[in-house]
Amino acid sequence: MVVAALAVTVGIGILRGAMSPVDEVLVDQTPVPVATGVGDLYVHVSGAVRTPGLYLLRAGACVVDAVAAAGGFSEDADRDAVNLARTLDDGEQLPVPHEGEAAPAGAAAPAAADGRVDLNAADAAMLETLPRIGPALAERIVAWREDNGGFTSVEDLLAVPGIGDKMLESLRDLVTV
């Protein structure tokens, strides 16, 4: 009877571990929750969170998931400075500012009232705050806008060298004209 109870307890523990979406590994001595599976993404969470670090999250994860993986907001976090509903992209850095701290570079650039980046008003620094947009691509977006008299629709991004259908879909809800 004792052996049977022990076997059931061990079995439940193994099953719970197999079904758990998060494991813990060490990267540079920092505990990092790791989700395993196809389509995972790495996100570097920094600033006003309890455990800043590099996290491996499931595809489709939002900012709220990354903040939770990092142990939640620190007591002095500027919680209104981050959009918790925004979907994350692989390789993204997510800086969470402290109260009274200046917003991350480019965050003060023009944005629509609903928080989306205005393709016709944003500078290169603001465009770089978008997922998968680096300095070179941001400059190409600005150059295309200047050369063509501005964007008339979000779909015009397809005319910018380096932006394809997949990237357009990842940006569609984050930008406006």
C-alpha atoms as a PDB file:
ATOM      1  CA  MET A   1       0.000   0.000   0.000  1.00  0.00           C
ATOM      2  CA  VAL A   2       2.813   2.427   0.891  1.00  0.00           C
ATOM      3  CA  VAL A   3       4.629   1.497  -2.318  1.00  0.00           C
ATOM      4  CA  ALA A   4       1.465   2.114  -4.358  1.00  0.00           C
ATOM      5  CA  ALA A   5       0.911   5.525  -2.747  1.00  0.00           C
ATOM      6  CA  LEU A   6       4.543   6.436  -3.360  1.00  0.00           C
ATOM      7  CA  ALA A   7       4.258   5.348  -7.001  1.00  0.00           C
ATOM      8  CA  VAL A   8       1.136   7.485  -7.485  1.00  0.00           C
ATOM      9  CA  THR A   9       2.811  10.507  -5.863  1.00  0.00           C
ATOM     10  CA  VAL A  10       5.924  10.141  -8.033  1.00  0.00           C
ATOM     11  CA  GLY A  11       3.764   9.596 -11.122  1.00  0.00           C
ATOM     12  CA  ILE A  12       1.777  12.773 -10.462  1.00  0.00           C
ATOM     13  CA  GLY A  13       5.005  14.718  -9.962  1.00  0.00           C
ATOM     14  CA  ILE A  14       6.414  13.434 -13.246  1.00  0.00           C
ATOM     15  CA  LEU A  15       3.152  14.160 -15.073  1.00  0.00           C
ATOM     16  CA  ARG A  16       2.966  17.660 -13.603  1.00  0.00           C
ATOM     17  CA  GLY A  17       6.553  18.312 -14.719  1.00  0.00           C
ATOM     18  CA  ALA A  18       5.862  16.997 -18.212  1.00  0.00           C
ATOM     19  CA  MET A  19       2.774  19.181 -18.570  1.00  0.00           C
ATOM     20  CA  SER A  20       4.345  22.303 -17.077  1.00  0.00           C
ATOM     21  CA  PRO A  21       4.870  25.055 -19.660  1.00  0.00           C
ATOM     22  CA  VAL A  22       7.836  26.483 -17.760  1.00  0.00           C
ATOM     23  CA  ASP A  23      11.117  24.922 -16.677  1.00  0.00           C
ATOM     24  CA  GLU A  24      13.984  26.772 -15.020  1.00  0.00           C
ATOM     25  CA  VAL A  25      17.511  26.903 -16.399  1.00  0.00           C
ATOM     26  CA  LEU A  26      20.497  29.112 -15.661  1.00  0.00           C
ATOM     27  CA  VAL A  27      21.840  31.577 -18.198  1.00  0.00           C
ATOM     28  CA  ASP A  28      24.732  33.641 -16.833  1.00  0.00           C
ATOM     29  CA  GLN A  29      23.625  32.697 -13.304  1.00  0.00           C
ATOM     30  CA  THR A  30      20.175  34.213 -13.897  1.00  0.00           C
ATOM     31  CA  PRO A  31      17.160  31.916 -13.516  1.00  0.00           C
ATOM     32  CA  VAL A  32      15.295  31.915 -16.807  1.00  0.00           C
ATOM     33  CA  PRO A  33      11.841  30.375 -17.198  1.00  0.00           C
ATOM     34  CA  VAL A  34      11.899  28.333 -20.384  1.00  0.00           C
ATOM     35  CA  ALA A  35       8.936  27.168 -22.418  1.00  0.00           C
ATOM     36  CA  THR A  36       9.735  24.451 -24.905  1.00  0.00           C
ATOM     37  CA  GLY A  37       8.141  23.955 -28.268  1.00  0.00           C
ATOM     38  CA  VAL A  38       8.049  25.080 -31.854  1.00  0.00           C
ATOM     39  CA  GLY A  39       7.776  28.815 -32.407  1.00  0.00           C
ATOM     40  CA  ASP A  40       9.213  29.948 -29.096  1.00  0.00           C
ATOM     41  CA  LEU A  41      10.729  33.410 -28.808  1.00  0.00           C
ATOM     42  CA  TYR A  42      13.482  34.973 -26.733  1.00  0.00           C
ATOM     43  CA  VAL A  43      12.671  38.251 -24.973  1.00  0.00           C
ATOM     44  CA  HIS A  44      15.089  40.318 -22.886  1.00  0.00           C
ATOM     45  CA  VAL A  45      13.117  41.934 -20.055  1.00  0.00           C
ATOM     46  CA  SER A  46      14.961  44.774 -18.335  1.00  0.00           C
ATOM     47  CA  GLY A  47      14.307  47.631 -15.967  1.00  0.00           C
ATOM     48  CA  ALA A  48      11.608  47.769 -13.315  1.00  0.00           C
ATOM     49  CA  VAL A  49      10.770  44.065 -12.973  1.00  0.00           C
ATOM     50  CA  ARG A  50      11.625  41.749 -10.088  1.00  0.00           C
ATOM     51  CA  THR A  51      13.938  39.450 -12.082  1.00  0.00           C
ATOM     52  CA  PRO A  52      15.298  41.083 -15.259  1.00  0.00           C
ATOM     53  CA  GLY A  53      16.794  38.657 -17.738  1.00  0.00           C
ATOM     54  CA  LEU A  54      16.431  36.678 -20.926  1.00  0.00           C
ATOM     55  CA  TYR A  55      13.221  34.655 -21.155  1.00  0.00           C
ATOM     56  CA  LEU A  56      12.077  32.045 -23.628  1.00  0.00           C
ATOM     57  CA  LEU A  57       8.320  32.413 -24.109  1.00  0.00           C
ATOM     58  CA  ARG A  58       5.798  30.707 -26.316  1.00  0.00           C
ATOM     59  CA  ALA A  59       4.992  32.186 -29.722  1.00  0.00           C
ATOM     60  CA  GLY A  60       2.133  34.668 -29.442  1.00  0.00           C
ATOM     61  CA  ALA A  61       3.159  35.792 -25.955  1.00  0.00           C
ATOM     62  CA  CYS A  62       2.285  39.340 -24.946  1.00  0.00           C
ATOM     63  CA  VAL A  63       4.097  41.893 -22.806  1.00  0.00           C
ATOM     64  CA  VAL A  64       2.030  40.770 -19.809  1.00  0.00           C
ATOM     65  CA  ASP A  65       3.502  37.258 -20.214  1.00  0.00           C
ATOM     66  CA  ALA A  66       7.079  38.588 -20.290  1.00  0.00           C
ATOM     67  CA  VAL A  67       6.502  40.775 -17.211  1.00  0.00           C
ATOM     68  CA  ALA A  68       4.993  37.788 -15.388  1.00  0.00           C
ATOM     69  CA  ALA A  69       7.946  35.577 -16.380  1.00  0.00           C
ATOM     70  CA  ALA A  70      10.251  38.246 -14.937  1.00  0.00           C
ATOM     71  CA  GLY A  71       8.469  38.005 -11.584  1.00  0.00           C
ATOM     72  CA  GLY A  72       6.112  40.927 -12.142  1.00  0.00           C
ATOM     73  CA  PHE A  73       6.621  44.653 -11.841  1.00  0.00           C
ATOM     74  CA  SER A  74       8.940  46.041  -9.195  1.00  0.00           C
ATOM     75  CA  GLU A  75       7.318  48.394  -6.676  1.00  0.00           C
ATOM     76  CA  ASP A  76       8.590  51.493  -8.493  1.00  0.00           C
ATOM     77  CA  ALA A  77       7.646  50.406 -12.025  1.00  0.00           C
ATOM     78  CA  ASP A  78       5.850  52.856 -14.281  1.00  0.00           C
ATOM     79  CA  ARG A  79       3.092  50.382 -15.141  1.00  0.00           C
ATOM     80  CA  ASP A  80       1.358  52.746 -17.558  1.00  0.00           C
ATOM     81  CA  ALA A  81       4.481  53.078 -19.710  1.00  0.00           C
ATOM     82  CA  VAL A  82       4.129  49.588 -21.199  1.00  0.00           C
ATOM     83  CA  ASN A  83       1.333  48.136 -23.303  1.00  0.00           C
ATOM     84  CA  LEU A  84       0.619  44.822 -21.587  1.00  0.00           C
ATOM     85  CA  ALA A  85      -1.528  43.609 -24.493  1.00  0.00           C
ATOM     86  CA  ARG A  86       1.148  44.040 -27.191  1.00  0.00           C
ATOM     87  CA  THR A  87       2.368  40.837 -28.833  1.00  0.00           C
ATOM     88  CA  LEU A  88       6.097  40.187 -28.556  1.00  0.00           C
ATOM     89  CA  ASP A  89       8.557  39.185 -31.274  1.00  0.00           C
ATOM     90  CA  ASP A  90      11.621  36.978 -31.117  1.00  0.00           C
ATOM     91  CA  GLY A  91      14.775  38.838 -30.129  1.00  0.00           C
ATOM     92  CA  GLU A  92      12.943  41.786 -28.623  1.00  0.00           C
ATOM     93  CA  GLN A  93      14.152  43.776 -25.640  1.00  0.00           C
ATOM     94  CA  LEU A  94      11.386  44.916 -23.330  1.00  0.00           C
ATOM     95  CA  PRO A  95      12.518  47.802 -21.112  1.00  0.00           C
ATOM     96  CA  VAL A  96      10.148  48.551 -18.225  1.00  0.00           C
ATOM     97  CA  PRO A  97      10.847  52.062 -16.904  1.00  0.00           C
ATOM     98  CA  HIS A  98      10.884  53.042 -13.254  1.00  0.00           C
ATOM     99  CA  GLU A  99       8.487  55.809 -12.130  1.00  0.00           C
ATOM    100  CA  GLY A 100       9.887  59.181 -13.136  1.00  0.00           C
ATOM    101  CA  GLU A 101      12.407  57.592 -15.506  1.00  0.00           C
ATOM    102  CA  ALA A 102      12.598  58.840 -19.074  1.00  0.00           C
ATOM    103  CA  ALA A 103      10.804  56.624 -21.575  1.00  0.00           C
ATOM    104  CA  PRO A 104      12.977  54.359 -23.750  1.00  0.00           C
ATOM    105  CA  ALA A 105      14.603  55.973 -26.796  1.00  0.00           C
ATOM    106  CA  GLY A 106      12.076  56.976 -29.404  1.00  0.00           C
ATOM    107  CA  ALA A 107       9.058  56.594 -27.151  1.00  0.00           C
ATOM    108  CA  ALA A 108       8.346  60.330 -27.198  1.00  0.00           C
ATOM    109  CA  ALA A 109       8.111  60.409 -30.993  1.00  0.00           C
ATOM    110  CA  PRO A 110       4.746  60.860 -32.691  1.00  0.00           C
ATOM    111  CA  ALA A 111       2.137  58.192 -32.075  1.00  0.00           C
ATOM    112  CA  ALA A 112      -1.575  57.968 -32.784  1.00  0.00           C
ATOM    113  CA  ALA A 113      -4.058  58.567 -29.971  1.00  0.00           C
ATOM    114  CA  ASP A 114      -4.575  54.806 -29.693  1.00  0.00           C
ATOM    115  CA  GLY A 115      -0.831  54.181 -29.184  1.00  0.00           C
ATOM    116  CA  ARG A 116      -0.071  52.974 -32.713  1.00  0.00           C
ATOM    117  CA  VAL A 117       2.951  54.411 -34.517  1.00  0.00           C
ATOM    118  CA  ASP A 118       2.006  56.869 -37.273  1.00  0.00           C
ATOM    119  CA  LEU A 119       4.036  55.871 -40.330  1.00  0.00           C
ATOM    120  CA  ASN A 120       3.741  59.394 -41.737  1.00  0.00           C
ATOM    121  CA  ALA A 121       4.921  61.198 -38.605  1.00  0.00           C
ATOM    122  CA  ALA A 122       7.312  58.872 -36.757  1.00  0.00           C
ATOM    123  CA  ASP A 123      11.053  59.381 -36.940  1.00  0.00           C
ATOM    124  CA  ALA A 124      13.516  56.518 -37.346  1.00  0.00           C
ATOM    125  CA  ALA A 125      13.935  56.192 -33.547  1.00  0.00           C
ATOM    126  CA  MET A 126      10.184  55.686 -33.055  1.00  0.00           C
ATOM    127  CA  LEU A 127      10.031  53.185 -35.906  1.00  0.00           C
ATOM    128  CA  GLU A 128      12.831  51.207 -34.220  1.00  0.00           C
ATOM    129  CA  THR A 129      10.550  50.635 -31.221  1.00  0.00           C
ATOM    130  CA  LEU A 130       8.464  48.379 -33.450  1.00  0.00           C
ATOM    131  CA  PRO A 131       9.237  44.654 -33.397  1.00  0.00           C
ATOM    132  CA  ARG A 132      11.775  43.486 -35.994  1.00  0.00           C
ATOM    133  CA  ILE A 133      12.522  47.068 -37.142  1.00  0.00           C
ATOM    134  CA  GLY A 134      16.192  47.948 -36.776  1.00  0.00           C
ATOM    135  CA  PRO A 135      18.048  51.136 -37.748  1.00  0.00           C
ATOM    136  CA  ALA A 136      18.512  50.224 -41.429  1.00  0.00           C
ATOM    137  CA  LEU A 137      14.893  49.269 -41.997  1.00  0.00           C
ATOM    138  CA  ALA A 138      13.654  52.317 -40.074  1.00  0.00           C
ATOM    139  CA  GLU A 139      15.739  54.526 -42.370  1.00  0.00           C
ATOM    140  CA  ARG A 140      14.305  52.771 -45.456  1.00  0.00           C
ATOM    141  CA  ILE A 141      10.769  53.409 -44.182  1.00  0.00           C
ATOM    142  CA  VAL A 142      11.537  57.112 -43.648  1.00  0.00           C
ATOM    143  CA  ALA A 143      13.233  57.331 -47.073  1.00  0.00           C
ATOM    144  CA  TRP A 144      10.275  55.639 -48.797  1.00  0.00           C
ATOM    145  CA  ARG A 145       7.894  58.055 -47.083  1.00  0.00           C
ATOM    146  CA  GLU A 146       9.939  61.053 -48.198  1.00  0.00           C
ATOM    147  CA  ASP A 147      10.361  59.748 -51.759  1.00  0.00           C
ATOM    148  CA  ASN A 148       6.692  58.855 -52.218  1.00  0.00           C
ATOM    149  CA  GLY A 149       4.891  61.643 -50.382  1.00  0.00           C
ATOM    150  CA  GLY A 150       3.850  59.515 -47.441  1.00  0.00           C
ATOM    151  CA  PHE A 151       1.934  56.333 -46.790  1.00  0.00           C
ATOM    152  CA  THR A 152      -1.693  56.141 -47.891  1.00  0.00           C
ATOM    153  CA  SER A 153      -2.292  52.761 -46.215  1.00  0.00           C
ATOM    154  CA  VAL A 154      -0.466  50.334 -43.961  1.00  0.00           C
ATOM    155  CA  GLU A 155      -0.181  47.998 -46.973  1.00  0.00           C
ATOM    156  CA  ASP A 156       2.193  50.551 -48.578  1.00  0.00           C
ATOM    157  CA  LEU A 157       4.839  49.102 -46.247  1.00  0.00           C
ATOM    158  CA  LEU A 158       5.127  46.209 -48.726  1.00  0.00           C
ATOM    159  CA  ALA A 159       6.822  48.647 -51.122  1.00  0.00           C
ATOM    160  CA  VAL A 160       9.655  49.241 -48.622  1.00  0.00           C
ATOM    161  CA  PRO A 161      12.616  46.948 -49.371  1.00  0.00           C
ATOM    162  CA  GLY A 162      12.944  44.358 -46.611  1.00  0.00           C
ATOM    163  CA  ILE A 163       9.269  44.249 -45.641  1.00  0.00           C
ATOM    164  CA  GLY A 164       7.275  41.255 -46.767  1.00  0.00           C
ATOM    165  CA  ASP A 165       3.847  39.850 -46.048  1.00  0.00           C
ATOM    166  CA  LYS A 166       4.867  38.214 -42.767  1.00  0.00           C
ATOM    167  CA  MET A 167       6.433  41.379 -41.358  1.00  0.00           C
ATOM    168  CA  LEU A 168       3.476  43.457 -42.534  1.00  0.00           C
ATOM    169  CA  GLU A 169       1.121  41.172 -40.620  1.00  0.00           C
ATOM    170  CA  SER A 170       3.236  41.504 -37.460  1.00  0.00           C
ATOM    171  CA  LEU A 171       3.128  45.314 -37.768  1.00  0.00           C
ATOM    172  CA  ARG A 172      -0.436  45.821 -39.001  1.00  0.00           C
ATOM    173  CA  ASP A 173      -2.006  46.366 -35.555  1.00  0.00           C
ATOM    174  CA  LEU A 174       0.918  48.487 -34.304  1.00  0.00           C
ATOM    175  CA  VAL A 175       0.988  51.160 -37.013  1.00  0.00           C
ATOM    176  CA  THR A 176      -1.367  53.624 -38.679  1.00  0.00           C
ATOM    177  CA  VAL A 177      -1.279  56.278 -41.424  1.00  0.00           C
END
